[in-house]
Amino acid sequence: MFEADDIREWRGHDVVDPGGHKIGVLEAVYVDTATDLPLYATVTVGLPTRRRLVFVPLVKATVGPGYLKVAYDRGVVKKAPAIDTDGELLAVQEPAVFSHYDLDYTPGAGGERRLARR
């Protein structure tokens, strides 16, 4: 796993799937509020007039020269829950992000959010 500070340096670089197909461009990193470790990234996808940010897990992601390779196929990522490019992930939307990738979602003991943008 890489530190959140390291992955932030990749903002603006291509995000590719396991086959090397470009998904979009890395926009931001979301950390797990319990551990402060990178958990998800947002990727800018879509046409210039219809851009949106989709969420993709950073589990098993690797970095290379000028790209971030994620463990999910481009088609799966592009169908993931999305927010507007100037939008914010609401707490009620978090479970859907995890569910899309068949990942367990557990909010904090006091109902705290699981993801925080860094």
PDB file of N, CA and C in Angstrom:
ATOM      1  N   MET A   1       0.862  -1.191   0.000  1.00  0.00           N
ATOM      2  CA  MET A   1       0.000   0.000   0.000  1.00  0.00           C
ATOM      3  C   MET A   1       0.894   1.235   0.000  1.00  0.00           C
ATOM      4  N   PHE A   2       0.412   2.286  -0.611  1.00  0.00           N
ATOM      5  CA  PHE A   2       1.168   3.523  -0.657  1.00  0.00           C
ATOM      6  C   PHE A   2       0.509   4.559   0.232  1.00  0.00           C
ATOM      7  N   GLU A   3       1.289   5.517   0.630  1.00  0.00           N
ATOM      8  CA  GLU A   3       0.782   6.570   1.503  1.00  0.00           C
ATOM      9  C   GLU A   3      -0.030   7.588   0.698  1.00  0.00           C
ATOM     10  N   ALA A   4      -0.969   8.240   1.352  1.00  0.00           N
ATOM     11  CA  ALA A   4      -1.818   9.229   0.688  1.00  0.00           C
ATOM     12  C   ALA A   4      -0.981  10.356   0.094  1.00  0.00           C
ATOM     13  N   ASP A   5       0.075  10.766   0.782  1.00  0.00           N
ATOM     14  CA  ASP A   5       0.921  11.839   0.269  1.00  0.00           C
ATOM     15  C   ASP A   5       1.557  11.440  -1.054  1.00  0.00           C
ATOM     16  N   ASP A   6       1.978  10.185  -1.174  1.00  0.00           N
ATOM     17  CA  ASP A   6       2.606   9.717  -2.404  1.00  0.00           C
ATOM     18  C   ASP A   6       1.621   9.706  -3.563  1.00  0.00           C
ATOM     19  N   ILE A   7       0.434   9.196  -3.343  1.00  0.00           N
ATOM     20  CA  ILE A   7      -0.529   9.061  -4.423  1.00  0.00           C
ATOM     21  C   ILE A   7      -1.031  10.417  -4.898  1.00  0.00           C
ATOM     22  N   ARG A   8      -1.046  11.413  -4.029  1.00  0.00           N
ATOM     23  CA  ARG A   8      -1.482  12.746  -4.443  1.00  0.00           C
ATOM     24  C   ARG A   8      -0.594  13.315  -5.533  1.00  0.00           C
ATOM     25  N   GLU A   9       0.657  12.888  -5.564  1.00  0.00           N
ATOM     26  CA  GLU A   9       1.577  13.360  -6.593  1.00  0.00           C
ATOM     27  C   GLU A   9       1.161  12.881  -7.976  1.00  0.00           C
ATOM     28  N   TRP A  10       0.301  11.881  -8.038  1.00  0.00           N
ATOM     29  CA  TRP A  10      -0.132  11.324  -9.312  1.00  0.00           C
ATOM     30  C   TRP A  10      -1.375  12.017  -9.857  1.00  0.00           C
ATOM     31  N   ARG A  11      -1.886  13.011  -9.140  1.00  0.00           N
ATOM     32  CA  ARG A  11      -3.072  13.731  -9.610  1.00  0.00           C
ATOM     33  C   ARG A  11      -2.810  14.272 -11.019  1.00  0.00           C
ATOM     34  N   GLY A  12      -3.778  14.062 -11.903  1.00  0.00           N
ATOM     35  CA  GLY A  12      -3.633  14.516 -13.281  1.00  0.00           C
ATOM     36  C   GLY A  12      -3.053  13.461 -14.209  1.00  0.00           C
ATOM     37  N   HIS A  13      -2.592  12.339 -13.650  1.00  0.00           N
ATOM     38  CA  HIS A  13      -2.044  11.270 -14.480  1.00  0.00           C
ATOM     39  C   HIS A  13      -3.157  10.298 -14.905  1.00  0.00           C
ATOM     40  N   ASP A  14      -2.879   9.523 -15.924  1.00  0.00           N
ATOM     41  CA  ASP A  14      -3.850   8.557 -16.417  1.00  0.00           C
ATOM     42  C   ASP A  14      -4.117   7.464 -15.395  1.00  0.00           C
ATOM     43  N   VAL A  15      -5.353   7.008 -15.368  1.00  0.00           N
ATOM     44  CA  VAL A  15      -5.743   5.825 -14.599  1.00  0.00           C
ATOM     45  C   VAL A  15      -6.093   4.769 -15.633  1.00  0.00           C
ATOM     46  N   VAL A  16      -5.468   3.593 -15.504  1.00  0.00           N
ATOM     47  CA  VAL A  16      -5.678   2.517 -16.469  1.00  0.00           C
ATOM     48  C   VAL A  16      -6.174   1.264 -15.764  1.00  0.00           C
ATOM     49  N   ASP A  17      -6.823   0.393 -16.546  1.00  0.00           N
ATOM     50  CA  ASP A  17      -7.309  -0.867 -15.990  1.00  0.00           C
ATOM     51  C   ASP A  17      -6.225  -1.935 -16.104  1.00  0.00           C
ATOM     52  N   PRO A  18      -6.475  -3.162 -15.630  1.00  0.00           N
ATOM     53  CA  PRO A  18      -5.437  -4.197 -15.663  1.00  0.00           C
ATOM     54  C   PRO A  18      -4.875  -4.474 -17.061  1.00  0.00           C
ATOM     55  N   GLY A  19      -5.677  -4.232 -18.090  1.00  0.00           N
ATOM     56  CA  GLY A  19      -5.221  -4.451 -19.456  1.00  0.00           C
ATOM     57  C   GLY A  19      -4.500  -3.260 -20.057  1.00  0.00           C
ATOM     58  N   GLY A  20      -4.345  -2.182 -19.264  1.00  0.00           N
ATOM     59  CA  GLY A  20      -3.664  -0.981 -19.753  1.00  0.00           C
ATOM     60  C   GLY A  20      -4.566  -0.010 -20.489  1.00  0.00           C
ATOM     61  N   HIS A  21      -5.880  -0.261 -20.512  1.00  0.00           N
ATOM     62  CA  HIS A  21      -6.826   0.633 -21.176  1.00  0.00           C
ATOM     63  C   HIS A  21      -7.096   1.847 -20.297  1.00  0.00           C
ATOM     64  N   LYS A  22      -6.997   3.019 -20.893  1.00  0.00           N
ATOM     65  CA  LYS A  22      -7.216   4.248 -20.129  1.00  0.00           C
ATOM     66  C   LYS A  22      -8.670   4.369 -19.706  1.00  0.00           C
ATOM     67  N   ILE A  23      -8.858   4.664 -18.409  1.00  0.00           N
ATOM     68  CA  ILE A  23     -10.185   4.891 -17.842  1.00  0.00           C
ATOM     69  C   ILE A  23     -10.462   6.387 -17.807  1.00  0.00           C
ATOM     70  N   GLY A  24      -9.486   7.153 -17.363  1.00  0.00           N
ATOM     71  CA  GLY A  24      -9.637   8.595 -17.224  1.00  0.00           C
ATOM     72  C   GLY A  24      -8.406   9.163 -16.544  1.00  0.00           C
ATOM     73  N   VAL A  25      -8.603  10.272 -15.840  1.00  0.00           N
ATOM     74  CA  VAL A  25      -7.506  10.985 -15.190  1.00  0.00           C
ATOM     75  C   VAL A  25      -7.751  11.047 -13.680  1.00  0.00           C
ATOM     76  N   LEU A  26      -6.709  10.780 -12.902  1.00  0.00           N
ATOM     77  CA  LEU A  26      -6.816  10.817 -11.438  1.00  0.00           C
ATOM     78  C   LEU A  26      -7.119  12.240 -10.977  1.00  0.00           C
ATOM     79  N   GLU A  27      -8.195  12.377 -10.210  1.00  0.00           N
ATOM     80  CA  GLU A  27      -8.599  13.693  -9.727  1.00  0.00           C
ATOM     81  C   GLU A  27      -8.313  13.863  -8.243  1.00  0.00           C
ATOM     82  N   ALA A  28      -8.670  12.876  -7.424  1.00  0.00           N
ATOM     83  CA  ALA A  28      -8.476  13.008  -5.980  1.00  0.00           C
ATOM     84  C   ALA A  28      -8.369  11.631  -5.339  1.00  0.00           C
ATOM     85  N   VAL A  29      -7.885  11.641  -4.094  1.00  0.00           N
ATOM     86  CA  VAL A  29      -7.754  10.426  -3.303  1.00  0.00           C
ATOM     87  C   VAL A  29      -8.651  10.562  -2.078  1.00  0.00           C
ATOM     88  N   TYR A  30      -9.350   9.482  -1.755  1.00  0.00           N
ATOM     89  CA  TYR A  30     -10.189   9.418  -0.558  1.00  0.00           C
ATOM     90  C   TYR A  30      -9.571   8.388   0.379  1.00  0.00           C
ATOM     91  N   VAL A  31      -9.405   8.779   1.632  1.00  0.00           N
ATOM     92  CA  VAL A  31      -8.803   7.878   2.609  1.00  0.00           C
ATOM     93  C   VAL A  31      -9.876   7.284   3.511  1.00  0.00           C
ATOM     94  N   ASP A  32      -9.525   6.147   4.095  1.00  0.00           N
ATOM     95  CA  ASP A  32     -10.374   5.503   5.093  1.00  0.00           C
ATOM     96  C   ASP A  32     -10.245   6.327   6.365  1.00  0.00           C
ATOM     97  N   THR A  33     -11.354   6.824   6.890  1.00  0.00           N
ATOM     98  CA  THR A  33     -11.293   7.690   8.070  1.00  0.00           C
ATOM     99  C   THR A  33     -10.787   6.954   9.310  1.00  0.00           C
ATOM    100  N   ALA A  34     -10.887   5.636   9.325  1.00  0.00           N
ATOM    101  CA  ALA A  34     -10.420   4.861  10.479  1.00  0.00           C
ATOM    102  C   ALA A  34      -8.909   4.680  10.470  1.00  0.00           C
ATOM    103  N   THR A  35      -8.313   4.588   9.276  1.00  0.00           N
ATOM    104  CA  THR A  35      -6.873   4.296   9.187  1.00  0.00           C
ATOM    105  C   THR A  35      -6.058   5.419   8.563  1.00  0.00           C
ATOM    106  N   ASP A  36      -6.706   6.350   7.895  1.00  0.00           N
ATOM    107  CA  ASP A  36      -6.072   7.432   7.156  1.00  0.00           C
ATOM    108  C   ASP A  36      -5.242   6.918   5.976  1.00  0.00           C
ATOM    109  N   LEU A  37      -5.521   5.697   5.517  1.00  0.00           N
ATOM    110  CA  LEU A  37      -4.827   5.133   4.356  1.00  0.00           C
ATOM    111  C   LEU A  37      -5.685   5.326   3.109  1.00  0.00           C
ATOM    112  N   PRO A  38      -5.055   5.490   1.946  1.00  0.00           N
ATOM    113  CA  PRO A  38      -5.820   5.650   0.702  1.00  0.00           C
ATOM    114  C   PRO A  38      -6.721   4.449   0.462  1.00  0.00           C
ATOM    115  N   LEU A  39      -7.978   4.711   0.125  1.00  0.00           N
ATOM    116  CA  LEU A  39      -8.941   3.634  -0.078  1.00  0.00           C
ATOM    117  C   LEU A  39      -9.597   3.719  -1.457  1.00  0.00           C
ATOM    118  N   TYR A  40      -9.916   4.918  -1.906  1.00  0.00           N
ATOM    119  CA  TYR A  40     -10.545   5.141  -3.206  1.00  0.00           C
ATOM    120  C   TYR A  40      -9.892   6.325  -3.896  1.00  0.00           C
ATOM    121  N   ALA A  41     -10.059   6.354  -5.219  1.00  0.00           N
ATOM    122  CA  ALA A  41      -9.657   7.514  -6.008  1.00  0.00           C
ATOM    123  C   ALA A  41     -10.864   7.939  -6.825  1.00  0.00           C
ATOM    124  N   THR A  42     -10.900   9.214  -7.178  1.00  0.00           N
ATOM    125  CA  THR A  42     -11.893   9.652  -8.146  1.00  0.00           C
ATOM    126  C   THR A  42     -11.167   9.851  -9.466  1.00  0.00           C
ATOM    127  N   VAL A  43     -11.851   9.449 -10.531  1.00  0.00           N
ATOM    128  CA  VAL A  43     -11.304   9.498 -11.875  1.00  0.00           C
ATOM    129  C   VAL A  43     -12.234  10.334 -12.741  1.00  0.00           C
ATOM    130  N   THR A  44     -11.673  11.304 -13.446  1.00  0.00           N
ATOM    131  CA  THR A  44     -12.454  12.129 -14.351  1.00  0.00           C
ATOM    132  C   THR A  44     -12.714  11.342 -15.629  1.00  0.00           C
ATOM    133  N   VAL A  45     -13.991  11.166 -15.959  1.00  0.00           N
ATOM    134  CA  VAL A  45     -14.382  10.449 -17.177  1.00  0.00           C
ATOM    135  C   VAL A  45     -15.451  11.254 -17.907  1.00  0.00           C
ATOM    136  N   GLY A  46     -15.700  10.892 -19.154  1.00  0.00           N
ATOM    137  CA  GLY A  46     -16.767  11.511 -19.930  1.00  0.00           C
ATOM    138  C   GLY A  46     -16.269  12.538 -20.917  1.00  0.00           C
ATOM    139  N   LEU A  47     -17.194  12.990 -21.742  1.00  0.00           N
ATOM    140  CA  LEU A  47     -16.897  14.007 -22.746  1.00  0.00           C
ATOM    141  C   LEU A  47     -16.677  15.353 -22.060  1.00  0.00           C
ATOM    142  N   PRO A  48     -15.944  16.262 -22.717  1.00  0.00           N
ATOM    143  CA  PRO A  48     -15.656  17.560 -22.082  1.00  0.00           C
ATOM    144  C   PRO A  48     -16.882  18.297 -21.547  1.00  0.00           C
ATOM    145  N   THR A  49     -18.021  18.159 -22.214  1.00  0.00           N
ATOM    146  CA  THR A  49     -19.219  18.872 -21.750  1.00  0.00           C
ATOM    147  C   THR A  49     -20.024  18.075 -20.735  1.00  0.00           C
ATOM    148  N   ARG A  50     -19.633  16.807 -20.491  1.00  0.00           N
ATOM    149  CA  ARG A  50     -20.383  15.953 -19.570  1.00  0.00           C
ATOM    150  C   ARG A  50     -19.449  15.208 -18.624  1.00  0.00           C
ATOM    151  N   ARG A  51     -18.411  15.847 -18.165  1.00  0.00           N
ATOM    152  CA  ARG A  51     -17.442  15.193 -17.281  1.00  0.00           C
ATOM    153  C   ARG A  51     -18.068  14.900 -15.927  1.00  0.00           C
ATOM    154  N   ARG A  52     -17.610  13.797 -15.330  1.00  0.00           N
ATOM    155  CA  ARG A  52     -18.039  13.424 -13.984  1.00  0.00           C
ATOM    156  C   ARG A  52     -16.887  12.693 -13.320  1.00  0.00           C
ATOM    157  N   LEU A  53     -16.997  12.513 -12.027  1.00  0.00           N
ATOM    158  CA  LEU A  53     -15.975  11.806 -11.256  1.00  0.00           C
ATOM    159  C   LEU A  53     -16.549  10.481 -10.794  1.00  0.00           C
ATOM    160  N   VAL A  54     -15.876   9.384 -11.158  1.00  0.00           N
ATOM    161  CA  VAL A  54     -16.284   8.058 -10.703  1.00  0.00           C
ATOM    162  C   VAL A  54     -15.299   7.586  -9.644  1.00  0.00           C
ATOM    163  N   PHE A  55     -15.772   6.718  -8.778  1.00  0.00           N
ATOM    164  CA  PHE A  55     -14.955   6.201  -7.688  1.00  0.00           C
ATOM    165  C   PHE A  55     -14.405   4.829  -8.052  1.00  0.00           C
ATOM    166  N   VAL A  56     -13.130   4.594  -7.702  1.00  0.00           N
ATOM    167  CA  VAL A  56     -12.502   3.291  -7.933  1.00  0.00           C
ATOM    168  C   VAL A  56     -11.639   2.955  -6.718  1.00  0.00           C
ATOM    169  N   PRO A  57     -11.738   1.713  -6.234  1.00  0.00           N
ATOM    170  CA  PRO A  57     -10.911   1.311  -5.083  1.00  0.00           C
ATOM    171  C   PRO A  57      -9.426   1.304  -5.444  1.00  0.00           C
ATOM    172  N   LEU A  58      -8.604   1.588  -4.456  1.00  0.00           N
ATOM    173  CA  LEU A  58      -7.154   1.551  -4.643  1.00  0.00           C
ATOM    174  C   LEU A  58      -6.542   0.244  -4.170  1.00  0.00           C
ATOM    175  N   VAL A  59      -7.384  -0.706  -3.767  1.00  0.00           N
ATOM    176  CA  VAL A  59      -6.903  -2.018  -3.366  1.00  0.00           C
ATOM    177  C   VAL A  59      -6.211  -2.660  -4.569  1.00  0.00           C
ATOM    178  N   LYS A  60      -4.998  -3.121  -4.369  1.00  0.00           N
ATOM    179  CA  LYS A  60      -4.186  -3.770  -5.407  1.00  0.00           C
ATOM    180  C   LYS A  60      -3.809  -2.835  -6.552  1.00  0.00           C
ATOM    181  N   ALA A  61      -3.916  -1.519  -6.365  1.00  0.00           N
ATOM    182  CA  ALA A  61      -3.496  -0.566  -7.401  1.00  0.00           C
ATOM    183  C   ALA A  61      -1.974  -0.462  -7.401  1.00  0.00           C
ATOM    184  N   THR A  62      -1.413  -0.183  -8.560  1.00  0.00           N
ATOM    185  CA  THR A  62       0.035   0.008  -8.690  1.00  0.00           C
ATOM    186  C   THR A  62       0.287   1.289  -9.472  1.00  0.00           C
ATOM    187  N   VAL A  63       1.431   1.877  -9.229  1.00  0.00           N
ATOM    188  CA  VAL A  63       1.797   3.090  -9.952  1.00  0.00           C
ATOM    189  C   VAL A  63       2.953   2.785 -10.897  1.00  0.00           C
ATOM    190  N   GLY A  64       2.964   3.485 -12.000  1.00  0.00           N
ATOM    191  CA  GLY A  64       4.034   3.374 -12.979  1.00  0.00           C
ATOM    192  C   GLY A  64       4.364   4.769 -13.472  1.00  0.00           C
ATOM    193  N   PRO A  65       5.260   4.873 -14.436  1.00  0.00           N
ATOM    194  CA  PRO A  65       5.637   6.202 -14.937  1.00  0.00           C
ATOM    195  C   PRO A  65       4.455   6.893 -15.632  1.00  0.00           C
ATOM    196  N   GLY A  66       3.834   7.823 -14.933  1.00  0.00           N
ATOM    197  CA  GLY A  66       2.750   8.606 -15.504  1.00  0.00           C
ATOM    198  C   GLY A  66       1.380   7.977 -15.455  1.00  0.00           C
ATOM    199  N   TYR A  67       1.218   6.873 -14.723  1.00  0.00           N
ATOM    200  CA  TYR A  67      -0.098   6.254 -14.643  1.00  0.00           C
ATOM    201  C   TYR A  67      -0.311   5.564 -13.308  1.00  0.00           C
ATOM    202  N   LEU A  68      -1.592   5.313 -13.021  1.00  0.00           N
ATOM    203  CA  LEU A  68      -2.028   4.525 -11.871  1.00  0.00           C
ATOM    204  C   LEU A  68      -2.848   3.382 -12.443  1.00  0.00           C
ATOM    205  N   LYS A  69      -2.441   2.147 -12.167  1.00  0.00           N
ATOM    206  CA  LYS A  69      -3.173   0.982 -12.660  1.00  0.00           C
ATOM    207  C   LYS A  69      -4.020   0.437 -11.526  1.00  0.00           C
ATOM    208  N   VAL A  70      -5.331   0.363 -11.765  1.00  0.00           N
ATOM    209  CA  VAL A  70      -6.270  -0.151 -10.769  1.00  0.00           C
ATOM    210  C   VAL A  70      -6.626  -1.595 -11.112  1.00  0.00           C
ATOM    211  N   ALA A  71      -7.236  -2.284 -10.172  1.00  0.00           N
ATOM    212  CA  ALA A  71      -7.526  -3.711 -10.327  1.00  0.00           C
ATOM    213  C   ALA A  71      -8.880  -3.998 -10.972  1.00  0.00           C
ATOM    214  N   TYR A  72      -9.558  -2.971 -11.474  1.00  0.00           N
ATOM    215  CA  TYR A  72     -10.901  -3.138 -12.026  1.00  0.00           C
ATOM    216  C   TYR A  72     -10.927  -2.735 -13.496  1.00  0.00           C
ATOM    217  N   ASP A  73     -11.714  -3.467 -14.286  1.00  0.00           N
ATOM    218  CA  ASP A  73     -11.839  -3.173 -15.705  1.00  0.00           C
ATOM    219  C   ASP A  73     -12.512  -1.830 -15.945  1.00  0.00           C
ATOM    220  N   ARG A  74     -12.141  -1.233 -17.058  1.00  0.00           N
ATOM    221  CA  ARG A  74     -12.638   0.094 -17.428  1.00  0.00           C
ATOM    222  C   ARG A  74     -14.171   0.146 -17.417  1.00  0.00           C
ATOM    223  N   GLY A  75     -14.837  -0.863 -17.962  1.00  0.00           N
ATOM    224  CA  GLY A  75     -16.299  -0.865 -18.016  1.00  0.00           C
ATOM    225  C   GLY A  75     -16.934  -0.836 -16.641  1.00  0.00           C
ATOM    226  N   VAL A  76     -16.356  -1.550 -15.697  1.00  0.00           N
ATOM    227  CA  VAL A  76     -16.872  -1.582 -14.329  1.00  0.00           C
ATOM    228  C   VAL A  76     -16.704  -0.214 -13.672  1.00  0.00           C
ATOM    229  N   VAL A  77     -15.534   0.390 -13.854  1.00  0.00           N
ATOM    230  CA  VAL A  77     -15.249   1.690 -13.234  1.00  0.00           C
ATOM    231  C   VAL A  77     -16.160   2.770 -13.802  1.00  0.00           C
ATOM    232  N   LYS A  78     -16.334   2.782 -15.109  1.00  0.00           N
ATOM    233  CA  LYS A  78     -17.145   3.833 -15.731  1.00  0.00           C
ATOM    234  C   LYS A  78     -18.615   3.753 -15.325  1.00  0.00           C
ATOM    235  N   LYS A  79     -19.068   2.592 -14.844  1.00  0.00           N
ATOM    236  CA  LYS A  79     -20.451   2.441 -14.375  1.00  0.00           C
ATOM    237  C   LYS A  79     -20.582   2.653 -12.867  1.00  0.00           C
ATOM    238  N   ALA A  80     -19.485   2.998 -12.215  1.00  0.00           N
ATOM    239  CA  ALA A  80     -19.477   3.200 -10.764  1.00  0.00           C
ATOM    240  C   ALA A  80     -20.246   4.461 -10.387  1.00  0.00           C
ATOM    241  N   PRO A  81     -20.666   4.544  -9.123  1.00  0.00           N
ATOM    242  CA  PRO A  81     -21.304   5.777  -8.662  1.00  0.00           C
ATOM    243  C   PRO A  81     -20.398   6.977  -8.940  1.00  0.00           C
ATOM    244  N   ALA A  82     -21.035   8.083  -9.314  1.00  0.00           N
ATOM    245  CA  ALA A  82     -20.287   9.268  -9.724  1.00  0.00           C
ATOM    246  C   ALA A  82     -20.842  10.519  -9.057  1.00  0.00           C
ATOM    247  N   ILE A  83     -20.013  11.544  -9.061  1.00  0.00           N
ATOM    248  CA  ILE A  83     -20.425  12.871  -8.601  1.00  0.00           C
ATOM    249  C   ILE A  83     -20.017  13.875  -9.682  1.00  0.00           C
ATOM    250  N   ASP A  84     -20.601  15.063  -9.644  1.00  0.00           N
ATOM    251  CA  ASP A  84     -20.197  16.121 -10.562  1.00  0.00           C
ATOM    252  C   ASP A  84     -18.748  16.506 -10.289  1.00  0.00           C
ATOM    253  N   THR A  85     -18.086  17.089 -11.272  1.00  0.00           N
ATOM    254  CA  THR A  85     -16.674  17.459 -11.101  1.00  0.00           C
ATOM    255  C   THR A  85     -16.475  18.463  -9.971  1.00  0.00           C
ATOM    256  N   ASP A  86     -17.501  19.214  -9.645  1.00  0.00           N
ATOM    257  CA  ASP A  86     -17.401  20.136  -8.510  1.00  0.00           C
ATOM    258  C   ASP A  86     -18.271  19.655  -7.345  1.00  0.00           C
ATOM    259  N   GLY A  87     -18.674  18.381  -7.409  1.00  0.00           N
ATOM    260  CA  GLY A  87     -19.566  17.821  -6.402  1.00  0.00           C
ATOM    261  C   GLY A  87     -18.843  17.244  -5.202  1.00  0.00           C
ATOM    262  N   GLU A  88     -19.646  16.728  -4.307  1.00  0.00           N
ATOM    263  CA  GLU A  88     -19.145  16.149  -3.063  1.00  0.00           C
ATOM    264  C   GLU A  88     -19.867  14.824  -2.823  1.00  0.00           C
ATOM    265  N   LEU A  89     -19.126  13.845  -2.335  1.00  0.00           N
ATOM    266  CA  LEU A  89     -19.728  12.563  -1.995  1.00  0.00           C
ATOM    267  C   LEU A  89     -20.478  12.720  -0.672  1.00  0.00           C
ATOM    268  N   LEU A  90     -21.783  12.497  -0.712  1.00  0.00           N
ATOM    269  CA  LEU A  90     -22.582  12.599   0.494  1.00  0.00           C
ATOM    270  C   LEU A  90     -22.476  11.312   1.300  1.00  0.00           C
ATOM    271  N   ALA A  91     -22.651  11.412   2.598  1.00  0.00           N
ATOM    272  CA  ALA A  91     -22.553  10.238   3.475  1.00  0.00           C
ATOM    273  C   ALA A  91     -23.526   9.146   3.046  1.00  0.00           C
ATOM    274  N   VAL A  92     -24.711   9.521   2.604  1.00  0.00           N
ATOM    275  CA  VAL A  92     -25.707   8.520   2.201  1.00  0.00           C
ATOM    276  C   VAL A  92     -25.321   7.804   0.902  1.00  0.00           C
ATOM    277  N   GLN A  93     -24.363   8.357   0.150  1.00  0.00           N
ATOM    278  CA  GLN A  93     -23.912   7.744  -1.097  1.00  0.00           C
ATOM    279  C   GLN A  93     -22.774   6.749  -0.894  1.00  0.00           C
ATOM    280  N   GLU A  94     -22.110   6.800   0.245  1.00  0.00           N
ATOM    281  CA  GLU A  94     -20.951   5.936   0.489  1.00  0.00           C
ATOM    282  C   GLU A  94     -21.264   4.444   0.333  1.00  0.00           C
ATOM    283  N   PRO A  95     -22.351   3.936   0.908  1.00  0.00           N
ATOM    284  CA  PRO A  95     -22.621   2.498   0.767  1.00  0.00           C
ATOM    285  C   PRO A  95     -22.709   2.045  -0.688  1.00  0.00           C
ATOM    286  N   ALA A  96     -23.249   2.867  -1.571  1.00  0.00           N
ATOM    287  CA  ALA A  96     -23.375   2.501  -2.988  1.00  0.00           C
ATOM    288  C   ALA A  96     -22.017   2.373  -3.660  1.00  0.00           C
ATOM    289  N   VAL A  97     -21.072   3.195  -3.255  1.00  0.00           N
ATOM    290  CA  VAL A  97     -19.720   3.125  -3.822  1.00  0.00           C
ATOM    291  C   VAL A  97     -19.087   1.776  -3.477  1.00  0.00           C
ATOM    292  N   PHE A  98     -19.199   1.366  -2.241  1.00  0.00           N
ATOM    293  CA  PHE A  98     -18.637   0.077  -1.804  1.00  0.00           C
ATOM    294  C   PHE A  98     -19.390  -1.080  -2.455  1.00  0.00           C
ATOM    295  N   SER A  99     -20.712  -0.985  -2.503  1.00  0.00           N
ATOM    296  CA  SER A  99     -21.544  -2.045  -3.051  1.00  0.00           C
ATOM    297  C   SER A  99     -21.238  -2.298  -4.524  1.00  0.00           C
ATOM    298  N   HIS A 100     -20.979  -1.259  -5.282  1.00  0.00           N
ATOM    299  CA  HIS A 100     -20.689  -1.400  -6.715  1.00  0.00           C
ATOM    300  C   HIS A 100     -19.516  -2.350  -6.956  1.00  0.00           C
ATOM    301  N   TYR A 101     -18.558  -2.340  -6.057  1.00  0.00           N
ATOM    302  CA  TYR A 101     -17.370  -3.186  -6.186  1.00  0.00           C
ATOM    303  C   TYR A 101     -17.441  -4.429  -5.295  1.00  0.00           C
ATOM    304  N   ASP A 102     -18.617  -4.722  -4.756  1.00  0.00           N
ATOM    305  CA  ASP A 102     -18.814  -5.865  -3.852  1.00  0.00           C
ATOM    306  C   ASP A 102     -17.865  -5.840  -2.664  1.00  0.00           C
ATOM    307  N   LEU A 103     -17.651  -4.643  -2.116  1.00  0.00           N
ATOM    308  CA  LEU A 103     -16.796  -4.473  -0.939  1.00  0.00           C
ATOM    309  C   LEU A 103     -17.678  -4.186   0.269  1.00  0.00           C
ATOM    310  N   ASP A 104     -17.268  -4.670   1.419  1.00  0.00           N
ATOM    311  CA  ASP A 104     -18.028  -4.445   2.652  1.00  0.00           C
ATOM    312  C   ASP A 104     -17.975  -2.976   3.045  1.00  0.00           C
ATOM    313  N   TYR A 105     -19.108  -2.479   3.492  1.00  0.00           N
ATOM    314  CA  TYR A 105     -19.184  -1.105   3.984  1.00  0.00           C
ATOM    315  C   TYR A 105     -19.599  -1.116   5.438  1.00  0.00           C
ATOM    316  N   THR A 106     -18.788  -0.482   6.265  1.00  0.00           N
ATOM    317  CA  THR A 106     -19.105  -0.343   7.673  1.00  0.00           C
ATOM    318  C   THR A 106     -18.773   1.083   8.100  1.00  0.00           C
ATOM    319  N   PRO A 107     -19.776   1.879   8.466  1.00  0.00           N
ATOM    320  CA  PRO A 107     -19.458   3.229   8.956  1.00  0.00           C
ATOM    321  C   PRO A 107     -18.786   3.142  10.317  1.00  0.00           C
ATOM    322  N   GLY A 108     -18.248   4.264  10.762  1.00  0.00           N
ATOM    323  CA  GLY A 108     -17.616   4.300  12.073  1.00  0.00           C
ATOM    324  C   GLY A 108     -18.593   3.928  13.173  1.00  0.00           C
ATOM    325  N   ALA A 109     -18.071   3.593  14.348  1.00  0.00           N
ATOM    326  CA  ALA A 109     -18.901   3.153  15.474  1.00  0.00           C
ATOM    327  C   ALA A 109     -19.981   4.171  15.823  1.00  0.00           C
ATOM    328  N   GLY A 110     -19.668   5.450  15.659  1.00  0.00           N
ATOM    329  CA  GLY A 110     -20.641   6.499  15.947  1.00  0.00           C
ATOM    330  C   GLY A 110     -21.383   6.958  14.705  1.00  0.00           C
ATOM    331  N   GLY A 111     -21.316   6.159  13.627  1.00  0.00           N
ATOM    332  CA  GLY A 111     -21.980   6.525  12.380  1.00  0.00           C
ATOM    333  C   GLY A 111     -21.162   7.454  11.506  1.00  0.00           C
ATOM    334  N   GLU A 112     -19.859   7.614  11.839  1.00  0.00           N
ATOM    335  CA  GLU A 112     -19.009   8.523  11.080  1.00  0.00           C
ATOM    336  C   GLU A 112     -18.851   8.041   9.636  1.00  0.00           C
ATOM    337  N   ARG A 113     -18.539   8.992   8.780  1.00  0.00           N
ATOM    338  CA  ARG A 113     -18.267   8.692   7.382  1.00  0.00           C
ATOM    339  C   ARG A 113     -17.067   7.764   7.273  1.00  0.00           C
ATOM    340  N   ARG A 114     -17.022   6.993   6.236  1.00  0.00           N
ATOM    341  CA  ARG A 114     -15.922   6.064   6.007  1.00  0.00           C
ATOM    342  C   ARG A 114     -14.855   6.667   5.109  1.00  0.00           C
ATOM    343  N   LEU A 115     -15.242   7.605   4.232  1.00  0.00           N
ATOM    344  CA  LEU A 115     -14.316   8.194   3.276  1.00  0.00           C
ATOM    345  C   LEU A 115     -14.144   9.683   3.500  1.00  0.00           C
ATOM    346  N   ALA A 116     -12.897  10.132   3.348  1.00  0.00           N
ATOM    347  CA  ALA A 116     -12.602  11.566   3.441  1.00  0.00           C
ATOM    348  C   ALA A 116     -11.643  11.923   2.318  1.00  0.00           C
ATOM    349  N   ARG A 117     -11.937  13.028   1.632  1.00  0.00           N
ATOM    350  CA  ARG A 117     -11.080  13.452   0.525  1.00  0.00           C
ATOM    351  C   ARG A 117      -9.799  14.086   1.052  1.00  0.00           C
ATOM    352  N   ARG A 118      -8.701  13.736   0.431  1.00  0.00           N
ATOM    353  CA  ARG A 118      -7.396  14.315   0.799  1.00  0.00           C
ATOM    354  C   ARG A 118      -6.794  15.017  -0.378  1.00  0.00           C
TER     355      ARG A 118
END
